[in-house]
N, C-alpha and C. Protein backbone atom coordinates (compact mmCIF):
# COMPACT_ATOMS: atom_id res chain seq x y z
N MET A 1 -2.95 16.28 -11.47
CA MET A 1 -3.78 15.24 -10.84
C MET A 1 -5.06 15.88 -10.33
N THR A 2 -6.18 15.30 -10.72
CA THR A 2 -7.47 15.84 -10.32
C THR A 2 -7.91 15.23 -9.00
N VAL A 3 -8.25 16.07 -8.07
CA VAL A 3 -8.76 15.60 -6.79
C VAL A 3 -10.14 15.00 -7.00
N PRO A 4 -10.47 13.85 -6.31
CA PRO A 4 -11.78 13.25 -6.48
C PRO A 4 -12.90 14.26 -6.38
N ASP A 5 -13.78 14.26 -7.36
CA ASP A 5 -14.85 15.26 -7.44
C ASP A 5 -16.04 14.80 -6.62
N THR A 6 -15.92 14.93 -5.31
CA THR A 6 -17.00 14.55 -4.40
C THR A 6 -17.36 15.73 -3.54
N GLU A 7 -18.50 15.65 -2.93
CA GLU A 7 -18.90 16.72 -2.02
C GLU A 7 -18.02 16.69 -0.78
N ARG A 8 -17.91 17.84 -0.14
CA ARG A 8 -17.13 17.90 1.10
C ARG A 8 -17.73 16.92 2.09
N PRO A 9 -16.92 16.03 2.69
CA PRO A 9 -17.45 14.98 3.54
C PRO A 9 -18.14 15.51 4.79
N SER A 10 -19.15 14.80 5.24
CA SER A 10 -19.85 15.15 6.46
C SER A 10 -19.61 14.06 7.48
N TRP A 11 -18.67 14.31 8.41
CA TRP A 11 -18.38 13.29 9.41
C TRP A 11 -19.59 13.06 10.32
N ALA A 12 -20.48 14.04 10.40
CA ALA A 12 -21.63 13.93 11.31
C ALA A 12 -22.57 12.80 10.90
N SER A 13 -22.52 12.36 9.65
CA SER A 13 -23.41 11.30 9.19
C SER A 13 -22.93 9.92 9.64
N LEU A 14 -21.75 9.84 10.21
CA LEU A 14 -21.17 8.58 10.64
C LEU A 14 -21.40 8.37 12.13
N PRO A 15 -21.23 7.14 12.63
CA PRO A 15 -21.28 6.92 14.08
C PRO A 15 -20.27 7.84 14.77
N LEU A 16 -20.61 8.28 15.98
CA LEU A 16 -19.81 9.27 16.69
C LEU A 16 -18.34 8.85 16.81
N GLU A 17 -18.09 7.61 17.15
CA GLU A 17 -16.72 7.15 17.34
C GLU A 17 -15.92 7.28 16.04
N GLN A 18 -16.52 6.90 14.92
CA GLN A 18 -15.83 7.00 13.64
C GLN A 18 -15.65 8.46 13.23
N SER A 19 -16.67 9.27 13.49
CA SER A 19 -16.59 10.68 13.14
C SER A 19 -15.44 11.37 13.88
N VAL A 20 -15.33 11.12 15.17
CA VAL A 20 -14.26 11.70 15.97
C VAL A 20 -12.90 11.22 15.47
N ALA A 21 -12.81 9.92 15.19
CA ALA A 21 -11.54 9.35 14.73
C ALA A 21 -11.13 9.93 13.38
N LEU A 22 -12.09 10.14 12.49
CA LEU A 22 -11.78 10.69 11.18
C LEU A 22 -11.36 12.15 11.27
N ARG A 23 -11.98 12.89 12.15
CA ARG A 23 -11.57 14.29 12.34
C ARG A 23 -10.13 14.35 12.86
N ALA A 24 -9.81 13.45 13.77
CA ALA A 24 -8.44 13.40 14.28
C ALA A 24 -7.46 13.00 13.17
N ALA A 25 -7.88 12.05 12.34
CA ALA A 25 -7.04 11.62 11.21
C ALA A 25 -6.81 12.77 10.24
N ALA A 26 -7.87 13.53 9.96
CA ALA A 26 -7.75 14.67 9.06
C ALA A 26 -6.76 15.69 9.62
N GLY A 27 -6.76 15.87 10.94
CA GLY A 27 -5.82 16.79 11.57
C GLY A 27 -4.38 16.33 11.42
N ARG A 28 -4.16 15.03 11.60
CA ARG A 28 -2.79 14.50 11.46
C ARG A 28 -2.31 14.63 10.02
N LEU A 29 -3.19 14.34 9.07
CA LEU A 29 -2.82 14.46 7.66
C LEU A 29 -2.54 15.91 7.29
N ALA A 30 -3.32 16.83 7.85
CA ALA A 30 -3.10 18.25 7.59
C ALA A 30 -1.72 18.68 8.10
N ASP A 31 -1.31 18.15 9.24
CA ASP A 31 0.03 18.45 9.76
C ASP A 31 1.10 17.86 8.85
N ASP A 32 0.89 16.62 8.41
CA ASP A 32 1.87 15.94 7.58
C ASP A 32 2.06 16.63 6.23
N PHE A 33 0.97 17.17 5.69
CA PHE A 33 1.02 17.76 4.35
C PHE A 33 0.85 19.28 4.37
N ALA A 34 1.21 19.89 5.49
CA ALA A 34 1.12 21.36 5.60
C ALA A 34 1.97 22.01 4.51
N GLY A 35 1.37 22.95 3.80
CA GLY A 35 2.06 23.62 2.73
C GLY A 35 2.05 22.87 1.41
N VAL A 36 1.50 21.66 1.42
CA VAL A 36 1.42 20.85 0.19
C VAL A 36 -0.02 20.74 -0.29
N PHE A 37 -0.92 20.36 0.61
CA PHE A 37 -2.33 20.23 0.28
C PHE A 37 -3.17 20.99 1.30
N GLY A 38 -4.29 21.52 0.84
CA GLY A 38 -5.21 22.20 1.72
C GLY A 38 -6.13 21.23 2.43
N THR A 39 -6.86 21.75 3.41
CA THR A 39 -7.76 20.93 4.22
C THR A 39 -8.81 20.23 3.37
N GLU A 40 -9.38 20.93 2.39
CA GLU A 40 -10.45 20.35 1.60
C GLU A 40 -9.95 19.16 0.78
N THR A 41 -8.77 19.29 0.19
CA THR A 41 -8.20 18.19 -0.57
C THR A 41 -7.93 16.99 0.32
N ILE A 42 -7.36 17.23 1.48
CA ILE A 42 -7.05 16.15 2.41
C ILE A 42 -8.32 15.43 2.85
N GLU A 43 -9.35 16.18 3.17
CA GLU A 43 -10.60 15.54 3.63
C GLU A 43 -11.26 14.76 2.50
N ARG A 44 -11.15 15.23 1.29
CA ARG A 44 -11.73 14.48 0.17
C ARG A 44 -11.03 13.14 -0.03
N PHE A 45 -9.71 13.16 0.04
CA PHE A 45 -8.97 11.90 -0.10
C PHE A 45 -9.26 10.97 1.07
N LEU A 46 -9.36 11.52 2.26
CA LEU A 46 -9.66 10.70 3.44
C LEU A 46 -11.05 10.10 3.32
N HIS A 47 -12.01 10.90 2.88
CA HIS A 47 -13.38 10.43 2.76
C HIS A 47 -13.49 9.32 1.70
N SER A 48 -12.86 9.53 0.53
CA SER A 48 -12.94 8.52 -0.52
C SER A 48 -12.20 7.25 -0.12
N SER A 49 -11.13 7.40 0.67
CA SER A 49 -10.41 6.23 1.17
C SER A 49 -11.27 5.46 2.17
N PHE A 50 -11.99 6.19 3.02
CA PHE A 50 -12.90 5.55 3.97
C PHE A 50 -13.98 4.76 3.22
N ASP A 51 -14.56 5.39 2.19
CA ASP A 51 -15.61 4.73 1.41
C ASP A 51 -15.10 3.46 0.73
N GLN A 52 -13.82 3.45 0.37
CA GLN A 52 -13.24 2.31 -0.33
C GLN A 52 -13.35 1.03 0.51
N PHE A 53 -13.24 1.18 1.84
CA PHE A 53 -13.21 0.01 2.72
C PHE A 53 -14.49 -0.18 3.53
N ALA A 54 -15.35 0.83 3.54
CA ALA A 54 -16.52 0.80 4.44
C ALA A 54 -17.46 -0.36 4.15
N GLY A 55 -17.58 -0.75 2.90
CA GLY A 55 -18.56 -1.77 2.54
C GLY A 55 -18.19 -3.18 2.92
N HIS A 56 -16.92 -3.44 3.19
CA HIS A 56 -16.52 -4.82 3.48
C HIS A 56 -15.56 -4.92 4.66
N ALA A 57 -15.59 -3.94 5.53
CA ALA A 57 -14.69 -3.98 6.69
C ALA A 57 -15.13 -5.06 7.66
N THR A 58 -14.17 -5.88 8.10
CA THR A 58 -14.50 -6.93 9.08
C THR A 58 -14.45 -6.41 10.51
N VAL A 59 -13.69 -5.33 10.74
CA VAL A 59 -13.60 -4.72 12.06
C VAL A 59 -13.85 -3.23 11.90
N PRO A 60 -15.10 -2.78 11.97
CA PRO A 60 -15.45 -1.39 11.67
C PRO A 60 -14.68 -0.35 12.47
N GLN A 61 -14.31 -0.67 13.71
CA GLN A 61 -13.62 0.34 14.52
C GLN A 61 -12.24 0.68 13.98
N PHE A 62 -11.69 -0.18 13.11
CA PHE A 62 -10.38 0.09 12.52
C PHE A 62 -10.49 0.90 11.23
N LEU A 63 -11.70 1.14 10.75
CA LEU A 63 -11.89 1.82 9.48
C LEU A 63 -11.20 3.19 9.41
N PRO A 64 -11.35 4.06 10.40
CA PRO A 64 -10.68 5.37 10.31
C PRO A 64 -9.17 5.25 10.18
N LEU A 65 -8.56 4.32 10.90
CA LEU A 65 -7.11 4.14 10.82
C LEU A 65 -6.70 3.65 9.44
N ILE A 66 -7.45 2.68 8.90
CA ILE A 66 -7.15 2.17 7.56
C ILE A 66 -7.31 3.27 6.52
N ALA A 67 -8.39 4.05 6.65
CA ALA A 67 -8.63 5.14 5.70
C ALA A 67 -7.51 6.17 5.78
N GLU A 68 -7.04 6.47 6.99
CA GLU A 68 -5.96 7.44 7.15
C GLU A 68 -4.68 6.94 6.48
N ARG A 69 -4.34 5.69 6.69
CA ARG A 69 -3.11 5.15 6.10
C ARG A 69 -3.20 5.11 4.58
N PHE A 70 -4.36 4.75 4.05
CA PHE A 70 -4.53 4.69 2.60
C PHE A 70 -4.51 6.09 2.00
N ALA A 71 -5.17 7.03 2.67
CA ALA A 71 -5.17 8.42 2.19
C ALA A 71 -3.77 9.00 2.21
N ARG A 72 -2.99 8.70 3.24
CA ARG A 72 -1.63 9.22 3.33
C ARG A 72 -0.79 8.70 2.15
N GLN A 73 -0.92 7.42 1.84
CA GLN A 73 -0.20 6.85 0.70
C GLN A 73 -0.59 7.53 -0.60
N ARG A 74 -1.88 7.73 -0.80
CA ARG A 74 -2.36 8.36 -2.04
C ARG A 74 -1.90 9.81 -2.14
N LEU A 75 -1.95 10.54 -1.03
CA LEU A 75 -1.52 11.93 -1.04
C LEU A 75 -0.02 12.04 -1.31
N ARG A 76 0.77 11.14 -0.76
CA ARG A 76 2.20 11.15 -1.05
C ARG A 76 2.45 10.89 -2.53
N ALA A 77 1.64 9.99 -3.11
CA ALA A 77 1.79 9.70 -4.53
C ALA A 77 1.46 10.92 -5.38
N VAL A 78 0.37 11.59 -5.05
CA VAL A 78 -0.03 12.78 -5.80
C VAL A 78 1.03 13.88 -5.67
N ALA A 79 1.55 14.06 -4.47
CA ALA A 79 2.58 15.08 -4.26
C ALA A 79 3.80 14.80 -5.11
N LYS A 80 4.16 13.54 -5.26
CA LYS A 80 5.32 13.19 -6.08
C LYS A 80 5.03 13.42 -7.56
N ILE A 81 3.85 13.00 -8.01
CA ILE A 81 3.48 13.17 -9.42
C ILE A 81 3.48 14.64 -9.82
N GLU A 82 2.94 15.46 -8.96
CA GLU A 82 2.77 16.88 -9.29
C GLU A 82 4.01 17.71 -8.94
N GLY A 83 5.06 17.05 -8.46
CA GLY A 83 6.28 17.77 -8.14
C GLY A 83 6.17 18.65 -6.92
N LEU A 84 5.19 18.37 -6.07
CA LEU A 84 5.01 19.15 -4.85
C LEU A 84 5.95 18.70 -3.74
N HIS A 85 6.30 17.44 -3.76
CA HIS A 85 7.25 16.91 -2.79
C HIS A 85 7.81 15.60 -3.32
N ASP A 86 9.13 15.51 -3.39
CA ASP A 86 9.80 14.29 -3.82
C ASP A 86 11.15 14.25 -3.11
N ASP A 87 11.32 13.29 -2.21
CA ASP A 87 12.57 13.22 -1.44
C ASP A 87 13.66 12.45 -2.17
N GLY A 88 13.36 12.00 -3.40
CA GLY A 88 14.39 11.35 -4.21
C GLY A 88 14.53 9.86 -3.97
N ARG A 89 13.84 9.33 -2.98
CA ARG A 89 13.95 7.89 -2.72
C ARG A 89 13.19 7.10 -3.78
N PRO A 90 13.74 5.98 -4.26
CA PRO A 90 13.00 5.16 -5.22
C PRO A 90 11.75 4.57 -4.57
N THR A 91 10.68 4.50 -5.36
CA THR A 91 9.42 3.95 -4.87
C THR A 91 9.05 2.73 -5.70
N VAL A 92 8.76 1.63 -5.02
CA VAL A 92 8.40 0.38 -5.68
C VAL A 92 6.99 -0.01 -5.27
N LEU A 93 6.18 -0.39 -6.25
CA LEU A 93 4.81 -0.83 -6.01
C LEU A 93 4.70 -2.30 -6.33
N PHE A 94 4.28 -3.11 -5.35
CA PHE A 94 4.11 -4.54 -5.52
C PHE A 94 2.62 -4.85 -5.71
N LEU A 95 2.28 -5.51 -6.80
CA LEU A 95 0.89 -5.79 -7.12
C LEU A 95 0.65 -7.28 -7.31
N CYS A 96 -0.43 -7.79 -6.71
CA CYS A 96 -0.91 -9.13 -7.02
C CYS A 96 -2.44 -9.06 -7.07
N VAL A 97 -3.10 -10.18 -7.07
CA VAL A 97 -4.56 -10.16 -7.24
C VAL A 97 -5.25 -9.66 -5.97
N HIS A 98 -5.02 -10.34 -4.86
CA HIS A 98 -5.76 -10.05 -3.64
C HIS A 98 -5.00 -9.17 -2.64
N ASN A 99 -3.72 -8.87 -2.92
CA ASN A 99 -2.92 -8.08 -1.99
C ASN A 99 -2.98 -8.67 -0.58
N ALA A 100 -2.95 -10.00 -0.53
CA ALA A 100 -3.08 -10.68 0.75
C ALA A 100 -1.90 -11.58 1.07
N GLY A 101 -1.05 -11.87 0.08
CA GLY A 101 0.05 -12.78 0.30
C GLY A 101 1.35 -12.31 -0.31
N ARG A 102 1.53 -12.59 -1.61
CA ARG A 102 2.80 -12.31 -2.27
C ARG A 102 3.22 -10.85 -2.19
N SER A 103 2.32 -9.95 -2.56
CA SER A 103 2.69 -8.53 -2.57
C SER A 103 2.92 -8.00 -1.16
N GLN A 104 2.20 -8.54 -0.18
CA GLN A 104 2.41 -8.11 1.20
C GLN A 104 3.76 -8.59 1.73
N MET A 105 4.12 -9.83 1.40
CA MET A 105 5.43 -10.34 1.83
C MET A 105 6.55 -9.55 1.16
N ALA A 106 6.39 -9.25 -0.13
CA ALA A 106 7.42 -8.48 -0.85
C ALA A 106 7.58 -7.10 -0.24
N MET A 107 6.46 -6.43 0.05
CA MET A 107 6.54 -5.12 0.67
C MET A 107 7.19 -5.22 2.05
N GLY A 108 6.87 -6.28 2.79
CA GLY A 108 7.46 -6.46 4.11
C GLY A 108 8.97 -6.61 4.05
N PHE A 109 9.46 -7.45 3.14
CA PHE A 109 10.91 -7.61 2.98
C PHE A 109 11.56 -6.31 2.51
N PHE A 110 10.95 -5.67 1.53
CA PHE A 110 11.53 -4.45 0.96
C PHE A 110 11.66 -3.37 2.03
N THR A 111 10.60 -3.15 2.78
CA THR A 111 10.61 -2.12 3.82
C THR A 111 11.63 -2.45 4.91
N HIS A 112 11.67 -3.73 5.30
CA HIS A 112 12.58 -4.16 6.34
C HIS A 112 14.03 -4.00 5.91
N LEU A 113 14.35 -4.39 4.68
CA LEU A 113 15.73 -4.39 4.22
C LEU A 113 16.21 -3.01 3.78
N ALA A 114 15.29 -2.20 3.21
CA ALA A 114 15.68 -0.88 2.72
C ALA A 114 15.69 0.17 3.80
N GLY A 115 14.89 -0.02 4.85
CA GLY A 115 14.80 1.00 5.88
C GLY A 115 14.29 2.30 5.29
N ASP A 116 14.97 3.40 5.58
CA ASP A 116 14.57 4.71 5.07
C ASP A 116 15.13 5.01 3.68
N GLY A 117 15.81 4.03 3.09
CA GLY A 117 16.46 4.27 1.81
C GLY A 117 15.54 4.19 0.60
N ALA A 118 14.34 3.68 0.77
CA ALA A 118 13.40 3.54 -0.34
C ALA A 118 12.00 3.41 0.22
N VAL A 119 11.01 3.47 -0.68
CA VAL A 119 9.60 3.41 -0.28
C VAL A 119 8.95 2.23 -0.99
N ALA A 120 8.13 1.47 -0.27
CA ALA A 120 7.39 0.36 -0.86
C ALA A 120 5.91 0.52 -0.61
N TRP A 121 5.11 0.28 -1.65
CA TRP A 121 3.67 0.22 -1.56
C TRP A 121 3.21 -1.11 -2.11
N SER A 122 1.96 -1.47 -1.82
CA SER A 122 1.40 -2.69 -2.41
C SER A 122 -0.07 -2.47 -2.71
N GLY A 123 -0.61 -3.33 -3.57
CA GLY A 123 -2.02 -3.22 -3.93
C GLY A 123 -2.48 -4.47 -4.65
N GLY A 124 -3.79 -4.54 -4.89
CA GLY A 124 -4.35 -5.70 -5.57
C GLY A 124 -5.42 -5.31 -6.56
N SER A 125 -5.62 -6.14 -7.57
CA SER A 125 -6.69 -5.90 -8.54
C SER A 125 -8.04 -6.28 -7.97
N GLU A 126 -8.06 -7.26 -7.05
CA GLU A 126 -9.28 -7.68 -6.36
C GLU A 126 -8.92 -7.89 -4.89
N PRO A 127 -8.78 -6.82 -4.11
CA PRO A 127 -8.30 -6.94 -2.73
C PRO A 127 -9.14 -7.91 -1.90
N GLY A 128 -8.45 -8.73 -1.12
CA GLY A 128 -9.12 -9.67 -0.24
C GLY A 128 -9.62 -9.00 1.03
N ALA A 129 -10.14 -9.83 1.94
CA ALA A 129 -10.69 -9.30 3.19
C ALA A 129 -9.61 -9.08 4.25
N ARG A 130 -8.52 -9.85 4.18
CA ARG A 130 -7.45 -9.72 5.17
C ARG A 130 -6.17 -10.32 4.60
N VAL A 131 -5.07 -10.02 5.24
CA VAL A 131 -3.79 -10.59 4.84
C VAL A 131 -3.78 -12.07 5.24
N ASN A 132 -3.27 -12.91 4.36
CA ASN A 132 -3.21 -14.35 4.59
C ASN A 132 -2.46 -14.65 5.90
N PRO A 133 -3.14 -15.27 6.88
CA PRO A 133 -2.48 -15.51 8.18
C PRO A 133 -1.27 -16.43 8.07
N VAL A 134 -1.25 -17.33 7.08
CA VAL A 134 -0.08 -18.20 6.91
C VAL A 134 1.11 -17.38 6.41
N ALA A 135 0.84 -16.39 5.54
CA ALA A 135 1.90 -15.49 5.09
C ALA A 135 2.41 -14.66 6.26
N VAL A 136 1.50 -14.22 7.12
CA VAL A 136 1.91 -13.46 8.31
C VAL A 136 2.83 -14.29 9.18
N GLU A 137 2.47 -15.56 9.39
CA GLU A 137 3.28 -16.44 10.23
C GLU A 137 4.65 -16.71 9.59
N ALA A 138 4.65 -16.92 8.27
CA ALA A 138 5.92 -17.17 7.58
C ALA A 138 6.86 -15.98 7.70
N MET A 139 6.31 -14.78 7.59
CA MET A 139 7.14 -13.58 7.72
C MET A 139 7.58 -13.37 9.17
N ARG A 140 6.73 -13.72 10.11
CA ARG A 140 7.11 -13.59 11.51
C ARG A 140 8.32 -14.47 11.83
N GLU A 141 8.42 -15.60 11.17
CA GLU A 141 9.58 -16.47 11.36
C GLU A 141 10.88 -15.79 10.96
N ARG A 142 10.78 -14.80 10.09
CA ARG A 142 11.96 -14.06 9.65
C ARG A 142 12.10 -12.73 10.40
N GLY A 143 11.29 -12.55 11.44
CA GLY A 143 11.39 -11.36 12.26
C GLY A 143 10.73 -10.13 11.66
N ILE A 144 9.80 -10.34 10.72
CA ILE A 144 9.11 -9.23 10.06
C ILE A 144 7.62 -9.36 10.33
N ASP A 145 7.02 -8.33 10.89
CA ASP A 145 5.60 -8.35 11.27
C ASP A 145 4.77 -7.62 10.22
N ILE A 146 3.93 -8.36 9.50
CA ILE A 146 3.03 -7.73 8.52
C ILE A 146 1.58 -7.86 8.97
N SER A 147 1.37 -8.19 10.24
CA SER A 147 0.02 -8.43 10.73
C SER A 147 -0.85 -7.18 10.72
N ALA A 148 -0.23 -6.00 10.76
CA ALA A 148 -1.00 -4.75 10.78
C ALA A 148 -1.35 -4.26 9.37
N GLU A 149 -0.86 -4.96 8.34
CA GLU A 149 -1.17 -4.55 6.97
C GLU A 149 -2.59 -4.98 6.60
N PHE A 150 -3.09 -4.42 5.50
CA PHE A 150 -4.45 -4.73 5.06
C PHE A 150 -4.50 -4.70 3.54
N PRO A 151 -5.29 -5.58 2.93
CA PRO A 151 -5.41 -5.55 1.46
C PRO A 151 -6.03 -4.24 1.00
N LYS A 152 -5.48 -3.70 -0.07
CA LYS A 152 -5.96 -2.43 -0.60
C LYS A 152 -5.89 -2.46 -2.12
N PRO A 153 -6.68 -1.66 -2.80
CA PRO A 153 -6.61 -1.62 -4.26
C PRO A 153 -5.45 -0.76 -4.73
N TRP A 154 -4.97 -1.01 -5.93
CA TRP A 154 -4.04 -0.06 -6.53
C TRP A 154 -4.87 1.13 -7.04
N THR A 155 -4.23 2.28 -7.12
CA THR A 155 -4.89 3.47 -7.63
C THR A 155 -4.00 4.08 -8.71
N ASP A 156 -4.59 4.87 -9.58
CA ASP A 156 -3.82 5.49 -10.66
C ASP A 156 -2.64 6.29 -10.11
N GLU A 157 -2.87 7.02 -9.01
CA GLU A 157 -1.80 7.87 -8.51
C GLU A 157 -0.64 7.05 -7.95
N THR A 158 -0.92 5.92 -7.30
CA THR A 158 0.18 5.13 -6.76
C THR A 158 0.98 4.47 -7.88
N VAL A 159 0.30 4.03 -8.94
CA VAL A 159 1.03 3.44 -10.06
C VAL A 159 1.88 4.49 -10.76
N ARG A 160 1.31 5.65 -10.99
CA ARG A 160 2.04 6.71 -11.69
C ARG A 160 3.22 7.23 -10.89
N ALA A 161 3.11 7.20 -9.57
CA ALA A 161 4.19 7.71 -8.73
C ALA A 161 5.31 6.69 -8.52
N ALA A 162 5.05 5.42 -8.79
CA ALA A 162 6.06 4.38 -8.56
C ALA A 162 7.15 4.44 -9.63
N ASP A 163 8.38 4.19 -9.21
CA ASP A 163 9.49 4.10 -10.15
C ASP A 163 9.57 2.71 -10.76
N VAL A 164 9.18 1.70 -9.98
CA VAL A 164 9.18 0.31 -10.44
C VAL A 164 7.86 -0.32 -10.01
N VAL A 165 7.22 -1.05 -10.92
CA VAL A 165 5.98 -1.77 -10.61
C VAL A 165 6.27 -3.26 -10.77
N ILE A 166 6.13 -4.01 -9.68
CA ILE A 166 6.33 -5.45 -9.69
C ILE A 166 4.97 -6.12 -9.67
N THR A 167 4.66 -6.90 -10.70
CA THR A 167 3.38 -7.60 -10.77
C THR A 167 3.58 -9.08 -10.48
N MET A 168 2.55 -9.67 -9.88
CA MET A 168 2.63 -11.08 -9.47
C MET A 168 1.32 -11.77 -9.77
N GLY A 169 1.12 -12.10 -11.01
CA GLY A 169 -0.03 -12.93 -11.38
C GLY A 169 -1.33 -12.21 -11.60
N CYS A 170 -1.34 -10.88 -11.67
CA CYS A 170 -2.62 -10.20 -11.88
C CYS A 170 -2.95 -10.01 -13.36
N GLY A 171 -2.04 -10.40 -14.25
CA GLY A 171 -2.33 -10.45 -15.68
C GLY A 171 -2.80 -9.13 -16.26
N ASP A 172 -3.84 -9.21 -17.08
CA ASP A 172 -4.37 -8.03 -17.75
C ASP A 172 -4.99 -7.03 -16.78
N ALA A 173 -5.29 -7.48 -15.56
CA ALA A 173 -5.89 -6.57 -14.59
C ALA A 173 -4.87 -5.59 -14.02
N CYS A 174 -3.58 -5.88 -14.18
CA CYS A 174 -2.55 -4.97 -13.68
C CYS A 174 -2.50 -3.72 -14.55
N PRO A 175 -2.37 -2.55 -13.94
CA PRO A 175 -2.37 -1.30 -14.70
C PRO A 175 -1.06 -1.10 -15.47
N ILE A 176 -1.16 -0.61 -16.68
CA ILE A 176 0.01 -0.36 -17.51
C ILE A 176 0.05 1.11 -17.91
N PHE A 177 1.16 1.77 -17.58
CA PHE A 177 1.40 3.15 -17.98
C PHE A 177 2.68 3.17 -18.80
N PRO A 178 2.65 3.72 -20.00
CA PRO A 178 3.83 3.74 -20.86
C PRO A 178 5.03 4.41 -20.20
N GLY A 179 6.22 3.88 -20.48
CA GLY A 179 7.44 4.49 -19.99
C GLY A 179 7.83 4.12 -18.58
N LYS A 180 7.05 3.26 -17.92
CA LYS A 180 7.36 2.87 -16.54
C LYS A 180 8.02 1.50 -16.53
N ARG A 181 8.90 1.30 -15.57
CA ARG A 181 9.58 0.01 -15.45
C ARG A 181 8.65 -1.01 -14.79
N TYR A 182 8.42 -2.11 -15.50
CA TYR A 182 7.59 -3.19 -14.99
C TYR A 182 8.41 -4.48 -14.92
N GLU A 183 8.11 -5.30 -13.92
CA GLU A 183 8.66 -6.64 -13.84
C GLU A 183 7.54 -7.58 -13.41
N GLU A 184 7.49 -8.75 -14.02
CA GLU A 184 6.54 -9.78 -13.60
C GLU A 184 7.31 -10.85 -12.83
N TRP A 185 6.93 -11.05 -11.57
CA TRP A 185 7.53 -12.11 -10.77
C TRP A 185 6.58 -13.30 -10.76
N THR A 186 7.03 -14.42 -11.32
CA THR A 186 6.21 -15.63 -11.36
C THR A 186 6.39 -16.39 -10.06
N LEU A 187 5.36 -16.34 -9.23
CA LEU A 187 5.40 -16.94 -7.91
C LEU A 187 4.10 -17.69 -7.64
N ASP A 188 4.18 -18.79 -6.91
CA ASP A 188 2.97 -19.50 -6.51
C ASP A 188 2.15 -18.64 -5.56
N ASP A 189 0.83 -18.71 -5.70
CA ASP A 189 -0.06 -17.98 -4.80
C ASP A 189 -0.13 -18.71 -3.46
N PRO A 190 0.18 -18.04 -2.34
CA PRO A 190 0.13 -18.71 -1.03
C PRO A 190 -1.26 -19.07 -0.56
N ALA A 191 -2.30 -18.56 -1.20
CA ALA A 191 -3.68 -18.80 -0.74
C ALA A 191 -3.97 -20.29 -0.66
N GLY A 192 -4.43 -20.72 0.51
CA GLY A 192 -4.82 -22.10 0.71
C GLY A 192 -3.68 -23.08 0.86
N ARG A 193 -2.45 -22.60 0.91
CA ARG A 193 -1.29 -23.49 0.99
C ARG A 193 -0.80 -23.64 2.43
N ALA A 194 -0.12 -24.76 2.67
CA ALA A 194 0.44 -25.03 3.99
C ALA A 194 1.67 -24.19 4.22
N ILE A 195 2.08 -24.07 5.48
CA ILE A 195 3.19 -23.21 5.85
C ILE A 195 4.47 -23.58 5.14
N ASP A 196 4.74 -24.88 4.92
CA ASP A 196 5.97 -25.27 4.23
C ASP A 196 6.01 -24.72 2.81
N ASP A 197 4.87 -24.76 2.12
CA ASP A 197 4.80 -24.21 0.76
C ASP A 197 4.98 -22.70 0.77
N VAL A 198 4.39 -22.04 1.75
CA VAL A 198 4.48 -20.58 1.83
C VAL A 198 5.91 -20.16 2.17
N ARG A 199 6.60 -20.94 2.96
CA ARG A 199 8.01 -20.63 3.26
C ARG A 199 8.84 -20.59 1.99
N ALA A 200 8.59 -21.54 1.08
CA ALA A 200 9.34 -21.57 -0.18
C ALA A 200 9.07 -20.31 -0.99
N VAL A 201 7.80 -19.87 -1.03
CA VAL A 201 7.44 -18.63 -1.74
C VAL A 201 8.10 -17.43 -1.06
N ARG A 202 8.04 -17.42 0.25
CA ARG A 202 8.66 -16.33 1.03
C ARG A 202 10.14 -16.20 0.71
N ASP A 203 10.86 -17.31 0.70
CA ASP A 203 12.30 -17.27 0.46
C ASP A 203 12.62 -16.82 -0.96
N ASP A 204 11.79 -17.23 -1.91
CA ASP A 204 11.96 -16.78 -3.29
C ASP A 204 11.75 -15.27 -3.38
N ILE A 205 10.73 -14.76 -2.70
CA ILE A 205 10.47 -13.32 -2.69
C ILE A 205 11.64 -12.56 -2.09
N GLU A 206 12.19 -13.07 -0.99
CA GLU A 206 13.32 -12.38 -0.37
C GLU A 206 14.50 -12.27 -1.33
N ARG A 207 14.81 -13.34 -2.04
CA ARG A 207 15.91 -13.31 -3.00
C ARG A 207 15.67 -12.25 -4.07
N ARG A 208 14.44 -12.20 -4.55
CA ARG A 208 14.10 -11.22 -5.60
C ARG A 208 14.16 -9.79 -5.08
N VAL A 209 13.69 -9.58 -3.87
CA VAL A 209 13.72 -8.24 -3.28
C VAL A 209 15.16 -7.78 -3.08
N ARG A 210 16.01 -8.66 -2.60
CA ARG A 210 17.41 -8.31 -2.41
C ARG A 210 18.07 -7.93 -3.73
N ARG A 211 17.75 -8.68 -4.78
CA ARG A 211 18.31 -8.37 -6.09
C ARG A 211 17.80 -7.02 -6.60
N LEU A 212 16.51 -6.75 -6.37
CA LEU A 212 15.93 -5.48 -6.79
C LEU A 212 16.60 -4.32 -6.07
N LEU A 213 16.81 -4.45 -4.78
CA LEU A 213 17.47 -3.39 -4.02
C LEU A 213 18.89 -3.15 -4.53
N GLU A 214 19.57 -4.21 -4.89
CA GLU A 214 20.91 -4.06 -5.45
C GLU A 214 20.86 -3.29 -6.77
N GLU A 215 19.87 -3.61 -7.61
CA GLU A 215 19.72 -2.92 -8.89
C GLU A 215 19.40 -1.44 -8.69
N LEU A 216 18.64 -1.14 -7.65
CA LEU A 216 18.26 0.25 -7.36
C LEU A 216 19.35 0.98 -6.58
N GLU A 217 20.43 0.26 -6.25
CA GLU A 217 21.54 0.82 -5.49
C GLU A 217 21.09 1.35 -4.13
N VAL A 218 20.18 0.60 -3.51
CA VAL A 218 19.72 0.92 -2.16
C VAL A 218 20.45 0.00 -1.18
N PRO A 219 21.20 0.54 -0.24
CA PRO A 219 21.91 -0.31 0.73
C PRO A 219 20.93 -1.14 1.56
N VAL A 220 21.30 -2.38 1.79
CA VAL A 220 20.47 -3.28 2.60
C VAL A 220 20.90 -3.18 4.05
N ARG A 221 19.92 -3.00 4.92
CA ARG A 221 20.24 -2.90 6.35
C ARG A 221 20.78 -4.21 6.88
N ALA A 222 21.70 -4.14 7.82
CA ALA A 222 22.25 -5.35 8.44
C ALA A 222 21.16 -6.02 9.26
């Protein structure tokens, strides 16, 4: 896996608050990936992750945190691909168009039900500005909080590192890598729909996630 070919980031070019936050994020990532990736690689991934969201962030002060979380996901994917670290847990990637409704609810159910037994990621071909608030409310009714999630793009490394890729309506825009397990879940898009309609989509997603966990032989938490 080739590390993004960018110049070493200069936090000094950013507002002071963001610069300080990014330096702290780089330190946490360095601790998390000690012995796996060097400082330069970590900062490059963090910087490119920051750039991914900088142009359309609705709350700029959250940018360093979002960049850190996205960089951590990407670095974990690269570590798995390159055989640098793999804990053996199955990894599932949920993809839809905007990564604002269906894929976020699926990831929420999967993470909640699997606990530490498996890993879930999500992404979109055209990420939206925020997670659908009606989807957030529908999941809250089931005791699952996805309000801290954010729409993000899929990346080559996350697709390649996933054991199963679940697509939901992204069509030809969804990435295809030979030899990987793919499933298409036909689900209504919650965008613009009332809570009653979204509840029906939510319940369908839960049934599918439970079946997937059974197929992966991952115990479901009580």
